[in-house]
């Protein structure tokens, strides 16, 4: 191998606030909840087409709105998709997907997915793949007393502001001839109280296939992490009601692409948005 590319990168995006200036609050669970898992094990020499997708929308209080959110209403929109396609070669894959629509606290998630695969080309075959997580949460104003347990957290009569936030993590594998790939993603989009933040975590690592003997993974790997945040403020000390006026905006994007002989490639995104008391 005449060339080599090594990339080890970590990105952490954290939306942390105080005084209720900005943050997500999550919808709560419905009376009927769903829990399911999908486990995939593949060990094959030949063509493979493997896909997993999920779309989930939940709102509270009340039903999913068709227009403007009602007072105190919050809506979360979650999407997940993962795909692997080969036209031959040797593929070994172990993939686990788990969904649980119940309220989640810190350290617990509604969606968790993990994948490990090893691929080696034969007769000119190659692998392509893509994985994406998106978490979008928006909410109208709400009474603070109805959402926060801590009696010292806010002045009597103040409210939690409106907001509209979206964050995504995406990775792509293109023309992979040899590689070992591992990924893990987590999303929390439902919680009992506003004390529990929205959260999205994602990481990917690409390393050489130990059986290839070359010491390099071969192909193209890209990642794109992005977020767009809009936040209002609560009722001010003098009674100024600006809960529906934009008080903060920020957007961010991180994109990485590597091609060639890859010795090491790692990317990680850790995102939270909530009321930090």
Protein backbone atom coordinates (compact mmCIF):
# COMPACT_ATOMS: atom_id res chain seq x y z
CA UNK A 1 0.00 0.00 0.00
CA UNK A 2 1.59 3.25 -1.18
CA UNK A 3 -0.76 5.53 0.70
CA UNK A 4 -2.50 5.63 4.04
CA UNK A 5 -5.05 7.86 5.70
CA UNK A 6 -5.62 7.92 9.44
CA UNK A 7 -8.39 9.98 11.02
CA UNK A 8 -9.38 9.96 14.66
CA UNK A 9 -11.91 12.69 15.40
CA UNK A 10 -14.43 13.29 18.18
CA UNK A 11 -17.24 15.86 18.14
CA UNK A 12 -19.34 16.71 21.15
CA UNK A 13 -22.32 19.05 20.76
CA UNK A 14 -23.99 19.93 24.04
CA UNK A 15 -26.84 22.35 24.57
CA UNK A 16 -26.72 23.18 28.28
CA UNK A 17 -28.73 25.99 29.83
CA UNK A 18 -29.59 27.63 33.11
CA UNK A 19 -32.45 29.85 34.22
CA UNK A 20 -34.74 28.32 31.59
CA UNK A 21 -33.33 30.46 28.80
CA UNK A 22 -33.38 27.56 26.34
CA UNK A 23 -33.91 23.79 26.23
CA UNK A 24 -36.04 20.88 25.09
CA UNK A 25 -38.74 19.29 27.16
CA UNK A 26 -39.99 15.94 25.92
CA UNK A 27 -43.48 14.54 25.39
CA UNK A 28 -44.53 11.74 27.71
CA UNK A 29 -45.56 8.18 26.90
CA UNK A 30 -49.00 7.10 25.73
CA UNK A 31 -51.04 4.65 27.87
CA UNK A 32 -50.24 1.85 25.44
CA UNK A 33 -46.53 1.30 24.79
CA UNK A 34 -44.51 -0.84 22.41
CA UNK A 35 -41.26 -2.70 23.00
CA UNK A 36 -39.54 -4.71 20.29
CA UNK A 37 -36.08 -5.82 19.18
CA UNK A 38 -34.67 -6.95 15.84
CA UNK A 39 -31.47 -9.01 15.80
CA UNK A 40 -29.60 -9.79 12.58
CA UNK A 41 -26.69 -12.20 12.06
CA UNK A 42 -25.25 -12.62 8.55
CA UNK A 43 -22.26 -14.70 7.45
CA UNK A 44 -22.24 -15.05 3.67
CA UNK A 45 -20.19 -14.99 0.51
CA UNK A 46 -22.42 -13.38 -2.08
CA UNK A 47 -24.80 -10.45 -2.56
CA UNK A 48 -26.45 -8.87 0.49
CA UNK A 49 -29.29 -6.31 0.77
CA UNK A 50 -30.08 -5.48 4.42
CA UNK A 51 -32.26 -2.53 5.51
CA UNK A 52 -33.86 -1.30 8.74
CA UNK A 53 -36.01 1.83 8.94
CA UNK A 54 -38.23 3.44 11.55
CA UNK A 55 -40.30 6.62 11.81
CA UNK A 56 -41.86 7.68 15.12
CA UNK A 57 -43.93 10.75 15.99
CA UNK A 58 -45.38 11.38 19.45
CA UNK A 59 -47.04 14.42 21.04
CA UNK A 60 -48.42 15.42 24.43
CA UNK A 61 -50.76 16.56 25.76
CA UNK A 62 -53.39 15.51 23.26
CA UNK A 63 -53.01 14.07 19.77
CA UNK A 64 -50.46 14.76 17.03
CA UNK A 65 -51.29 18.28 15.76
CA UNK A 66 -51.99 18.89 12.09
CA UNK A 67 -51.03 22.56 12.37
CA UNK A 68 -49.72 24.88 15.07
CA UNK A 69 -48.92 23.31 18.43
CA UNK A 70 -51.44 23.95 21.15
CA UNK A 71 -50.59 25.60 24.46
CA UNK A 72 -48.26 23.40 26.58
CA UNK A 73 -47.97 20.91 23.71
CA UNK A 74 -44.71 19.18 22.73
CA UNK A 75 -44.00 16.96 19.71
CA UNK A 76 -41.04 14.68 18.98
CA UNK A 77 -40.28 13.34 15.49
CA UNK A 78 -37.68 10.56 15.26
CA UNK A 79 -36.33 8.73 12.22
CA UNK A 80 -33.81 5.91 11.93
CA UNK A 81 -32.52 4.14 8.85
CA UNK A 82 -29.70 1.74 8.17
CA UNK A 83 -28.79 -0.08 4.97
CA UNK A 84 -26.03 -2.34 3.66
CA UNK A 85 -25.74 -3.47 0.01
CA UNK A 86 -23.08 -5.67 -1.61
CA UNK A 87 -22.76 -7.22 -5.06
CA UNK A 88 -20.63 -10.07 -3.73
CA UNK A 89 -17.71 -10.61 -1.41
CA UNK A 90 -17.53 -11.97 2.13
CA UNK A 91 -19.70 -10.28 4.75
CA UNK A 92 -20.07 -11.07 8.44
CA UNK A 93 -22.55 -8.81 10.26
CA UNK A 94 -24.13 -8.72 13.71
CA UNK A 95 -26.80 -6.03 14.14
CA UNK A 96 -29.18 -5.26 17.02
CA UNK A 97 -32.06 -2.76 17.01
CA UNK A 98 -34.22 -2.07 20.08
CA UNK A 99 -37.25 0.22 20.50
CA UNK A 100 -39.13 1.07 23.70
CA UNK A 101 -41.77 3.84 23.66
CA UNK A 102 -42.01 4.18 27.46
CA UNK A 103 -40.84 7.23 29.44
CA UNK A 104 -37.06 7.21 29.86
CA UNK A 105 -34.80 8.80 32.45
CA UNK A 106 -31.13 9.68 32.28
CA UNK A 107 -29.01 6.87 30.88
CA UNK A 108 -32.02 5.17 29.23
CA UNK A 109 -33.12 5.43 25.59
CA UNK A 110 -36.14 4.84 23.38
CA UNK A 111 -34.02 3.72 20.44
CA UNK A 112 -30.71 1.84 20.64
CA UNK A 113 -28.94 0.30 17.68
CA UNK A 114 -25.55 -1.36 17.39
CA UNK A 115 -23.78 -2.98 14.46
CA UNK A 116 -20.46 -4.72 13.80
CA UNK A 117 -19.50 -5.91 10.31
CA UNK A 118 -16.44 -7.21 8.49
CA UNK A 119 -16.24 -7.14 4.70
CA UNK A 120 -13.72 -8.47 2.20
CA UNK A 121 -14.10 -8.05 -1.57
CA UNK A 122 -13.89 -10.98 -4.00
CA UNK A 123 -13.76 -10.71 -7.81
CA UNK A 124 -14.09 -6.92 -7.79
CA UNK A 125 -17.18 -6.75 -5.56
CA UNK A 126 -17.70 -3.90 -3.10
CA UNK A 127 -19.96 -2.73 -0.27
CA UNK A 128 -22.00 0.45 0.17
CA UNK A 129 -23.99 1.46 3.24
CA UNK A 130 -25.68 4.32 5.03
CA UNK A 131 -26.93 5.00 8.55
CA UNK A 132 -28.85 8.03 9.86
CA UNK A 133 -30.45 9.17 13.12
CA UNK A 134 -32.66 12.29 13.35
CA UNK A 135 -34.23 13.80 16.47
CA UNK A 136 -36.58 16.76 16.11
CA UNK A 137 -38.39 18.20 19.15
CA UNK A 138 -40.62 21.28 19.23
CA UNK A 139 -42.85 22.69 21.94
CA UNK A 140 -45.18 25.56 22.79
CA UNK A 141 -45.03 27.32 26.16
CA UNK A 142 -45.98 25.46 29.34
CA UNK A 143 -46.46 26.23 33.01
CA UNK A 144 -43.23 25.56 34.90
CA UNK A 145 -45.09 24.32 37.97
CA UNK A 146 -46.62 21.50 35.90
CA UNK A 147 -43.29 20.28 34.54
CA UNK A 148 -40.53 20.73 37.12
CA UNK A 149 -40.46 18.91 40.45
CA UNK A 150 -37.89 21.15 42.14
CA UNK A 151 -39.74 23.83 44.13
CA UNK A 152 -36.69 26.10 44.03
CA UNK A 153 -36.21 25.86 40.29
CA UNK A 154 -38.31 28.82 39.19
CA UNK A 155 -40.34 31.76 40.45
CA UNK A 156 -44.07 31.26 40.93
CA UNK A 157 -46.08 31.92 37.79
CA UNK A 158 -43.25 31.74 35.26
CA UNK A 159 -43.45 29.50 32.22
CA UNK A 160 -41.29 27.26 30.10
CA UNK A 161 -40.58 28.83 26.70
CA UNK A 162 -41.35 27.64 23.19
CA UNK A 163 -38.59 25.95 21.19
CA UNK A 164 -37.85 24.09 17.94
CA UNK A 165 -34.68 21.96 17.76
CA UNK A 166 -33.43 19.31 15.34
CA UNK A 167 -30.21 17.29 15.29
CA UNK A 168 -28.97 14.48 13.02
CA UNK A 169 -26.07 12.08 12.62
CA UNK A 170 -25.32 10.33 9.32
CA UNK A 171 -22.56 8.05 8.02
CA UNK A 172 -21.95 6.57 4.57
CA UNK A 173 -19.76 3.74 3.29
CA UNK A 174 -18.88 3.88 -0.43
CA UNK A 175 -16.97 1.35 -2.53
CA UNK A 176 -15.64 -0.52 0.49
CA UNK A 177 -13.27 -3.29 -0.56
CA UNK A 178 -12.03 -4.32 2.88
CA UNK A 179 -12.94 -3.06 6.36
CA UNK A 180 -14.25 -3.72 9.81
CA UNK A 181 -17.00 -1.28 10.81
CA UNK A 182 -18.73 -0.76 14.14
CA UNK A 183 -21.49 1.75 14.92
CA UNK A 184 -23.74 2.56 17.86
CA UNK A 185 -26.64 5.03 18.18
CA UNK A 186 -29.06 6.08 20.92
CA UNK A 187 -32.07 8.42 21.05
CA UNK A 188 -34.24 9.54 23.97
CA UNK A 189 -37.44 11.31 22.83
CA UNK A 190 -39.98 10.55 25.60
CA UNK A 191 -39.78 11.40 29.31
CA UNK A 192 -42.04 11.91 32.32
CA UNK A 193 -40.93 15.43 33.26
CA UNK A 194 -39.01 18.35 31.74
CA UNK A 195 -36.06 17.51 33.96
CA UNK A 196 -35.01 14.75 31.52
CA UNK A 197 -33.26 16.14 28.41
CA UNK A 198 -33.58 15.09 24.80
CA UNK A 199 -30.52 13.08 23.77
CA UNK A 200 -28.87 11.68 20.66
CA UNK A 201 -25.57 9.77 20.68
CA UNK A 202 -23.78 8.26 17.71
CA UNK A 203 -20.35 6.84 17.05
CA UNK A 204 -18.63 5.00 14.21
CA UNK A 205 -15.25 3.31 13.94
CA UNK A 206 -13.63 1.93 10.79
CA UNK A 207 -10.51 -0.23 11.11
CA UNK A 208 -8.64 -2.76 8.92
CA UNK A 209 -9.92 -6.31 8.54
CA UNK A 210 -7.39 -8.32 10.54
CA UNK A 211 -7.60 -11.15 8.00
CA UNK A 212 -6.74 -8.94 5.02
CA UNK A 213 -3.05 -8.72 5.86
CA UNK A 214 -2.75 -5.19 4.40
CA UNK A 215 -3.07 -3.23 7.63
CA UNK A 216 -5.56 -0.81 6.03
CA UNK A 217 -9.29 -0.60 5.39
CA UNK A 218 -9.98 0.35 1.77
CA UNK A 219 -12.79 2.58 0.52
CA UNK A 220 -14.55 5.86 1.26
CA UNK A 221 -16.17 6.80 4.59
CA UNK A 222 -18.14 10.00 5.24
CA UNK A 223 -19.92 11.38 8.29
CA UNK A 224 -22.19 14.41 8.68
CA UNK A 225 -23.38 15.70 12.07
CA UNK A 226 -25.71 18.72 12.10
CA UNK A 227 -28.08 20.67 14.33
CA UNK A 228 -30.42 23.68 14.15
CA UNK A 229 -31.69 25.31 17.35
CA UNK A 230 -34.38 27.95 17.97
CA UNK A 231 -35.25 28.96 21.53
CA UNK A 232 -37.47 31.52 23.26
CA UNK A 233 -37.28 32.76 26.88
CA UNK A 234 -39.63 32.45 29.84
CA UNK A 235 -41.75 35.18 31.43
CA UNK A 236 -39.36 37.86 32.66
CA UNK A 237 -39.01 39.25 36.16
CA UNK A 238 -41.20 42.21 35.21
CA UNK A 239 -43.83 40.03 33.58
CA UNK A 240 -42.59 40.41 30.01
CA UNK A 241 -44.09 37.50 28.10
CA UNK A 242 -41.58 36.57 25.41
CA UNK A 243 -42.07 32.79 25.48
CA UNK A 244 -43.09 32.86 21.78
CA UNK A 245 -40.35 35.21 20.55
CA UNK A 246 -37.06 33.85 19.19
CA UNK A 247 -34.33 34.62 21.71
CA UNK A 248 -31.56 32.31 20.49
CA UNK A 249 -30.62 30.64 17.24
CA UNK A 250 -27.67 28.48 16.38
CA UNK A 251 -26.82 25.97 13.71
CA UNK A 252 -23.82 23.71 13.36
CA UNK A 253 -22.48 21.10 10.98
CA UNK A 254 -19.49 18.75 10.99
CA UNK A 255 -18.56 16.84 7.82
CA UNK A 256 -15.68 14.42 7.29
CA UNK A 257 -14.74 12.32 4.26
CA UNK A 258 -11.77 9.98 3.89
CA UNK A 259 -10.77 7.89 0.88
CA UNK A 260 -7.97 5.40 0.38
CA UNK A 261 -6.11 3.19 2.81
CA UNK A 262 -7.68 3.84 6.21
CA UNK A 263 -5.68 2.82 9.25
CA UNK A 264 -8.10 4.30 11.81
CA UNK A 265 -11.29 6.38 11.55
CA UNK A 266 -13.46 7.31 14.52
CA UNK A 267 -16.23 9.89 14.92
CA UNK A 268 -18.56 10.48 17.88
CA UNK A 269 -21.49 12.81 18.51
CA UNK A 270 -23.01 13.35 21.97
CA UNK A 271 -26.01 15.73 22.10
CA UNK A 272 -28.31 16.75 24.95
CA UNK A 273 -30.84 19.55 25.25
CA UNK A 274 -32.74 20.06 28.49
CA UNK A 275 -33.35 22.11 31.63
CA UNK A 276 -30.22 21.83 33.75
CA UNK A 277 -31.15 22.81 37.31
